[in-house]
Amino acid sequence: MINELRAKILLELQKIEWVAEIFDGIPKKFGGFPSIFFNFDRVESQNLDSNHHQRQYFFQINIFQETTTLGNRQSELNLCDILDEVIERFDRSDLDWLALKIDAVGWDIQSVETESWPTLHAIVLLAIHTDFILSM
């Protein structure tokens, strides 16, 4: 299920046309901005009874926007636009019926240094809820 979710998340993120790069995993180097990478964070399970289970899969979506060429203010505006787009995209998606509910929960913006650029970095924690019954 985790790899199926990864593939669906990648497809959703690729629909954001004005992102320079999207990585499924932590990249060694950015070739352009804004850039996004995401990685699997954790899974939490709850057994409601012996046959009925719920799971939450958590993925961390990291968004980077350089500040050198655009300046801090424009970079922050761009980053907020991308944050809105990512959150809206997953608010409207069901990942092709793989999830009952998707929450983009919490985000934070901070300044960081990448390998060659000062950047702004935002994190979105994506929680994907599934509900299933074990077959007998």
Foldseek 3Di string as FASTA:
>chain_A
DVVLVLVLLVVLLVVPPPAPEEEADDDPADPDPFYKYKYWDDKDKDDPDPWKIKMKTKMKIKTKFFAPPPHDVVQVVVVVVVVVSSQVSQQPDLSVVPAPHKHFDDKDWDWDDDPDGTIIMMMTMIIGMDMGTHDD
